[in-house]
Amino acid sequence: VVDSMGPDHVHLFARGQDGQLWQK
């Protein structure tokens, strides 16, 4: 799932194989 906090920013979120939330 992708989102942005501004025109020069992107952050991604996903469930990991361990079942928790991860961010990049």
PDB file of all heavy atoms in Angstrom:
ATOM      1  N   VAL A   1       0.869  -1.180   0.000  1.00  0.00           N
ATOM      2  CA  VAL A   1       0.000   0.000   0.000  1.00  0.00           C
ATOM      3  C   VAL A   1       0.900   1.223   0.000  1.00  0.00           C
ATOM      4  O   VAL A   1       1.830   1.315   0.816  1.00  0.00           O
ATOM      5  CB  VAL A   1      -0.934   0.006   1.219  1.00  0.00           C
ATOM      6  CG1 VAL A   1      -1.759   1.292   1.258  1.00  0.00           C
ATOM      7  CG2 VAL A   1      -1.849  -1.209   1.188  1.00  0.00           C
ATOM      8  N   VAL A   2       0.647   2.152  -0.912  1.00  0.00           N
ATOM      9  CA  VAL A   2       1.529   3.298  -1.083  1.00  0.00           C
ATOM     10  C   VAL A   2       0.805   4.587  -0.706  1.00  0.00           C
ATOM     11  O   VAL A   2      -0.399   4.731  -0.926  1.00  0.00           O
ATOM     12  CB  VAL A   2       2.071   3.358  -2.536  1.00  0.00           C
ATOM     13  CG1 VAL A   2       0.940   3.436  -3.536  1.00  0.00           C
ATOM     14  CG2 VAL A   2       3.016   4.524  -2.727  1.00  0.00           C
ATOM     15  N   ASP A   3       1.555   5.513  -0.139  1.00  0.00           N
ATOM     16  CA  ASP A   3       1.021   6.799   0.295  1.00  0.00           C
ATOM     17  C   ASP A   3       2.157   7.809   0.232  1.00  0.00           C
ATOM     18  O   ASP A   3       3.323   7.452   0.024  1.00  0.00           O
ATOM     19  CB  ASP A   3       0.482   6.666   1.727  1.00  0.00           C
ATOM     20  CG  ASP A   3      -0.171   7.936   2.221  1.00  0.00           C
ATOM     21  OD1 ASP A   3      -1.217   8.308   1.669  1.00  0.00           O
ATOM     22  OD2 ASP A   3       0.368   8.546   3.158  1.00  0.00           O
ATOM     23  N   SER A   4       1.828   9.079   0.385  1.00  0.00           N
ATOM     24  CA  SER A   4       2.838  10.126   0.303  1.00  0.00           C
ATOM     25  C   SER A   4       2.539  11.234   1.296  1.00  0.00           C
ATOM     26  O   SER A   4       1.379  11.592   1.512  1.00  0.00           O
ATOM     27  CB  SER A   4       2.887  10.701  -1.115  1.00  0.00           C
ATOM     28  OG  SER A   4       3.736  11.819  -1.189  1.00  0.00           O
ATOM     29  N   MET A   5       3.599  11.796   1.872  1.00  0.00           N
ATOM     30  CA  MET A   5       3.463  12.940   2.770  1.00  0.00           C
ATOM     31  C   MET A   5       3.875  14.233   2.087  1.00  0.00           C
ATOM     32  O   MET A   5       3.968  15.286   2.725  1.00  0.00           O
ATOM     33  CB  MET A   5       4.290  12.709   4.038  1.00  0.00           C
ATOM     34  CG  MET A   5       3.833  11.500   4.829  1.00  0.00           C
ATOM     35  SD  MET A   5       4.804  11.186   6.328  1.00  0.00           S
ATOM     36  CE  MET A   5       3.997  12.296   7.496  1.00  0.00           C
ATOM     37  N   GLY A   6       4.144  14.188   0.784  1.00  0.00           N
ATOM     38  CA  GLY A   6       4.535  15.385   0.056  1.00  0.00           C
ATOM     39  C   GLY A   6       5.040  15.040  -1.326  1.00  0.00           C
ATOM     40  O   GLY A   6       5.214  13.855  -1.671  1.00  0.00           O
ATOM     41  N   PRO A   7       5.302  16.030  -2.166  1.00  0.00           N
ATOM     42  CA  PRO A   7       5.649  15.786  -3.567  1.00  0.00           C
ATOM     43  C   PRO A   7       6.965  15.054  -3.779  1.00  0.00           C
ATOM     44  O   PRO A   7       7.194  14.487  -4.852  1.00  0.00           O
ATOM     45  CB  PRO A   7       5.700  17.196  -4.170  1.00  0.00           C
ATOM     46  CG  PRO A   7       5.910  18.118  -3.014  1.00  0.00           C
ATOM     47  CD  PRO A   7       5.214  17.482  -1.866  1.00  0.00           C
ATOM     48  N   ASP A   8       7.842  15.042  -2.774  1.00  0.00           N
ATOM     49  CA  ASP A   8       9.138  14.377  -2.902  1.00  0.00           C
ATOM     50  C   ASP A   8       9.293  13.252  -1.884  1.00  0.00           C
ATOM     51  O   ASP A   8      10.395  12.980  -1.393  1.00  0.00           O
ATOM     52  CB  ASP A   8      10.276  15.391  -2.754  1.00  0.00           C
ATOM     53  CG  ASP A   8      10.287  16.402  -3.891  1.00  0.00           C
ATOM     54  OD1 ASP A   8      10.089  15.982  -5.048  1.00  0.00           O
ATOM     55  OD2 ASP A   8      10.468  17.604  -3.628  1.00  0.00           O
ATOM     56  N   HIS A   9       8.185  12.597  -1.572  1.00  0.00           N
ATOM     57  CA  HIS A   9       8.182  11.541  -0.558  1.00  0.00           C
ATOM     58  C   HIS A   9       7.195  10.446  -0.940  1.00  0.00           C
ATOM     59  O   HIS A   9       6.117  10.720  -1.466  1.00  0.00           O
ATOM     60  CB  HIS A   9       7.796  12.140   0.815  1.00  0.00           C
ATOM     61  CG  HIS A   9       7.602  11.123   1.886  1.00  0.00           C
ATOM     62  ND1 HIS A   9       6.387  10.535   2.156  1.00  0.00           N
ATOM     63  CD2 HIS A   9       8.485  10.574   2.758  1.00  0.00           C
ATOM     64  CE1 HIS A   9       6.514   9.690   3.153  1.00  0.00           C
ATOM     65  NE2 HIS A   9       7.776   9.692   3.538  1.00  0.00           N
ATOM     66  N   VAL A  10       7.593   9.215  -0.707  1.00  0.00           N
ATOM     67  CA  VAL A  10       6.707   8.054  -0.863  1.00  0.00           C
ATOM     68  C   VAL A  10       6.980   7.125   0.313  1.00  0.00           C
ATOM     69  O   VAL A  10       8.139   6.937   0.702  1.00  0.00           O
ATOM     70  CB  VAL A  10       6.990   7.293  -2.177  1.00  0.00           C
ATOM     71  CG1 VAL A  10       6.171   6.008  -2.238  1.00  0.00           C
ATOM     72  CG2 VAL A  10       6.687   8.159  -3.384  1.00  0.00           C
ATOM     73  N   HIS A  11       5.929   6.569   0.899  1.00  0.00           N
ATOM     74  CA  HIS A  11       6.163   5.485   1.844  1.00  0.00           C
ATOM     75  C   HIS A  11       5.221   4.331   1.556  1.00  0.00           C
ATOM     76  O   HIS A  11       4.081   4.504   1.134  1.00  0.00           O
ATOM     77  CB  HIS A  11       6.128   5.917   3.312  1.00  0.00           C
ATOM     78  CG  HIS A  11       4.936   6.702   3.753  1.00  0.00           C
ATOM     79  ND1 HIS A  11       4.764   7.125   5.043  1.00  0.00           N
ATOM     80  CD2 HIS A  11       3.835   7.167   3.096  1.00  0.00           C
ATOM     81  CE1 HIS A  11       3.660   7.801   5.174  1.00  0.00           C
ATOM     82  NE2 HIS A  11       3.065   7.838   4.008  1.00  0.00           N
ATOM     83  N   LEU A  12       5.766   3.120   1.766  1.00  0.00           N
ATOM     84  CA  LEU A  12       5.068   1.874   1.487  1.00  0.00           C
ATOM     85  C   LEU A  12       4.823   1.129   2.779  1.00  0.00           C
ATOM     86  O   LEU A  12       5.655   1.168   3.706  1.00  0.00           O
ATOM     87  CB  LEU A  12       5.912   0.984   0.569  1.00  0.00           C
ATOM     88  CG  LEU A  12       6.266   1.536  -0.805  1.00  0.00           C
ATOM     89  CD1 LEU A  12       7.226   0.577  -1.502  1.00  0.00           C
ATOM     90  CD2 LEU A  12       5.014   1.727  -1.634  1.00  0.00           C
ATOM     91  N   PHE A  13       3.702   0.415   2.804  1.00  0.00           N
ATOM     92  CA  PHE A  13       3.351  -0.404   3.961  1.00  0.00           C
ATOM     93  C   PHE A  13       2.867  -1.752   3.452  1.00  0.00           C
ATOM     94  O   PHE A  13       2.207  -1.843   2.416  1.00  0.00           O
ATOM     95  CB  PHE A  13       2.253   0.271   4.787  1.00  0.00           C
ATOM     96  CG  PHE A  13       2.647   1.602   5.355  1.00  0.00           C
ATOM     97  CD1 PHE A  13       2.568   2.763   4.594  1.00  0.00           C
ATOM     98  CD2 PHE A  13       3.126   1.697   6.656  1.00  0.00           C
ATOM     99  CE1 PHE A  13       2.940   3.999   5.120  1.00  0.00           C
ATOM    100  CE2 PHE A  13       3.500   2.931   7.184  1.00  0.00           C
ATOM    101  CZ  PHE A  13       3.406   4.077   6.417  1.00  0.00           C
ATOM    102  N   ALA A  14       3.185  -2.800   4.196  1.00  0.00           N
ATOM    103  CA  ALA A  14       2.735  -4.142   3.818  1.00  0.00           C
ATOM    104  C   ALA A  14       2.825  -5.054   5.034  1.00  0.00           C
ATOM    105  O   ALA A  14       3.566  -4.772   5.999  1.00  0.00           O
ATOM    106  CB  ALA A  14       3.587  -4.698   2.680  1.00  0.00           C
ATOM    107  N   ARG A  15       2.079  -6.105   4.991  1.00  0.00           N
ATOM    108  CA  ARG A  15       2.237  -7.181   5.973  1.00  0.00           C
ATOM    109  C   ARG A  15       3.482  -7.975   5.585  1.00  0.00           C
ATOM    110  O   ARG A  15       3.697  -8.284   4.412  1.00  0.00           O
ATOM    111  CB  ARG A  15       1.001  -8.065   5.974  1.00  0.00           C
ATOM    112  CG  ARG A  15       1.052  -9.250   6.932  1.00  0.00           C
ATOM    113  CD  ARG A  15      -0.165 -10.128   6.733  1.00  0.00           C
ATOM    114  NE  ARG A  15      -0.211 -11.238   7.674  1.00  0.00           N
ATOM    115  CZ  ARG A  15       0.370 -12.423   7.488  1.00  0.00           C
ATOM    116  NH1 ARG A  15       1.057 -12.642   6.367  1.00  0.00           N
ATOM    117  NH2 ARG A  15       0.252 -13.374   8.386  1.00  0.00           N
ATOM    118  N   GLY A  16       4.318  -8.281   6.557  1.00  0.00           N
ATOM    119  CA  GLY A  16       5.475  -9.119   6.300  1.00  0.00           C
ATOM    120  C   GLY A  16       5.124 -10.592   6.455  1.00  0.00           C
ATOM    121  O   GLY A  16       4.029 -10.953   6.891  1.00  0.00           O
ATOM    122  N   GLN A  17       6.073 -11.445   6.118  1.00  0.00           N
ATOM    123  CA  GLN A  17       5.866 -12.883   6.283  1.00  0.00           C
ATOM    124  C   GLN A  17       5.696 -13.263   7.750  1.00  0.00           C
ATOM    125  O   GLN A  17       5.166 -14.330   8.065  1.00  0.00           O
ATOM    126  CB  GLN A  17       7.059 -13.635   5.688  1.00  0.00           C
ATOM    127  CG  GLN A  17       7.147 -13.559   4.167  1.00  0.00           C
ATOM    128  CD  GLN A  17       6.141 -14.453   3.475  1.00  0.00           C
ATOM    129  OE1 GLN A  17       6.000 -15.631   3.819  1.00  0.00           O
ATOM    130  NE2 GLN A  17       5.428 -13.923   2.489  1.00  0.00           N
ATOM    131  N   ASP A  18       6.147 -12.386   8.664  1.00  0.00           N
ATOM    132  CA  ASP A  18       5.995 -12.641  10.098  1.00  0.00           C
ATOM    133  C   ASP A  18       4.661 -12.174  10.642  1.00  0.00           C
ATOM    134  O   ASP A  18       4.399 -12.285  11.842  1.00  0.00           O
ATOM    135  CB  ASP A  18       7.139 -11.982  10.869  1.00  0.00           C
ATOM    136  CG  ASP A  18       7.225 -10.464  10.643  1.00  0.00           C
ATOM    137  OD1 ASP A  18       6.399  -9.928   9.868  1.00  0.00           O
ATOM    138  OD2 ASP A  18       8.111  -9.824  11.234  1.00  0.00           O
ATOM    139  N   GLY A  19       3.801 -11.608   9.779  1.00  0.00           N
ATOM    140  CA  GLY A  19       2.458 -11.210  10.194  1.00  0.00           C
ATOM    141  C   GLY A  19       2.358  -9.797  10.721  1.00  0.00           C
ATOM    142  O   GLY A  19       1.252  -9.316  10.977  1.00  0.00           O
ATOM    143  N   GLN A  20       3.483  -9.086  10.899  1.00  0.00           N
ATOM    144  CA  GLN A  20       3.409  -7.725  11.411  1.00  0.00           C
ATOM    145  C   GLN A  20       3.474  -6.711  10.262  1.00  0.00           C
ATOM    146  O   GLN A  20       3.745  -7.064   9.105  1.00  0.00           O
ATOM    147  CB  GLN A  20       4.525  -7.456  12.422  1.00  0.00           C
ATOM    148  CG  GLN A  20       5.932  -7.417  11.868  1.00  0.00           C
ATOM    149  CD  GLN A  20       6.957  -7.014  12.922  1.00  0.00           C
ATOM    150  OE1 GLN A  20       6.784  -6.008  13.619  1.00  0.00           O
ATOM    151  NE2 GLN A  20       8.015  -7.812  13.065  1.00  0.00           N
ATOM    152  N   LEU A  21       3.230  -5.464  10.582  1.00  0.00           N
ATOM    153  CA  LEU A  21       3.301  -4.378   9.617  1.00  0.00           C
ATOM    154  C   LEU A  21       4.745  -3.958   9.405  1.00  0.00           C
ATOM    155  O   LEU A  21       5.521  -3.830  10.365  1.00  0.00           O
ATOM    156  CB  LEU A  21       2.490  -3.181  10.124  1.00  0.00           C
ATOM    157  CG  LEU A  21       2.489  -1.935   9.226  1.00  0.00           C
ATOM    158  CD1 LEU A  21       1.683  -2.196   7.960  1.00  0.00           C
ATOM    159  CD2 LEU A  21       1.939  -0.731   9.980  1.00  0.00           C
ATOM    160  N   TRP A  22       5.103  -3.709   8.126  1.00  0.00           N
ATOM    161  CA  TRP A  22       6.426  -3.217   7.782  1.00  0.00           C
ATOM    162  C   TRP A  22       6.278  -1.956   6.933  1.00  0.00           C
ATOM    163  O   TRP A  22       5.287  -1.778   6.227  1.00  0.00           O
ATOM    164  CB  TRP A  22       7.223  -4.266   7.013  1.00  0.00           C
ATOM    165  CG  TRP A  22       7.685  -5.422   7.857  1.00  0.00           C
ATOM    166  CD1 TRP A  22       6.915  -6.438   8.357  1.00  0.00           C
ATOM    167  CD2 TRP A  22       9.025  -5.667   8.297  1.00  0.00           C
ATOM    168  NE1 TRP A  22       7.683  -7.312   9.087  1.00  0.00           N
ATOM    169  CE2 TRP A  22       9.001  -6.867   9.065  1.00  0.00           C
ATOM    170  CE3 TRP A  22      10.239  -5.012   8.124  1.00  0.00           C
ATOM    171  CZ2 TRP A  22      10.138  -7.406   9.648  1.00  0.00           C
ATOM    172  CZ3 TRP A  22      11.391  -5.555   8.698  1.00  0.00           C
ATOM    173  CH2 TRP A  22      11.338  -6.735   9.456  1.00  0.00           C
ATOM    174  N   GLN A  23       7.290  -1.089   6.997  1.00  0.00           N
ATOM    175  CA  GLN A  23       7.283   0.179   6.275  1.00  0.00           C
ATOM    176  C   GLN A  23       8.619   0.400   5.564  1.00  0.00           C
ATOM    177  O   GLN A  23       9.677   0.003   6.057  1.00  0.00           O
ATOM    178  CB  GLN A  23       7.045   1.345   7.237  1.00  0.00           C
ATOM    179  CG  GLN A  23       7.054   2.732   6.570  1.00  0.00           C
ATOM    180  CD  GLN A  23       7.154   3.876   7.562  1.00  0.00           C
ATOM    181  OE1 GLN A  23       7.620   3.678   8.684  1.00  0.00           O
ATOM    182  NE2 GLN A  23       6.738   5.052   7.165  1.00  0.00           N
ATOM    183  N   LYS A  24       8.540   1.045   4.400  1.00  0.00           N
ATOM    184  CA  LYS A  24       9.726   1.442   3.647  1.00  0.00           C
ATOM    185  C   LYS A  24       9.425   2.799   3.017  1.00  0.00           C
ATOM    186  O   LYS A  24       8.290   3.039   2.600  1.00  0.00           O
ATOM    187  CB  LYS A  24      10.016   0.405   2.561  1.00  0.00           C
ATOM    188  CG  LYS A  24      11.206   0.698   1.665  1.00  0.00           C
ATOM    189  CD  LYS A  24      11.378  -0.399   0.610  1.00  0.00           C
ATOM    190  CE  LYS A  24      12.564  -0.112  -0.297  1.00  0.00           C
ATOM    191  NZ  LYS A  24      12.799  -1.188  -1.274  1.00  0.00           N
TER     192      LYS A  24
END
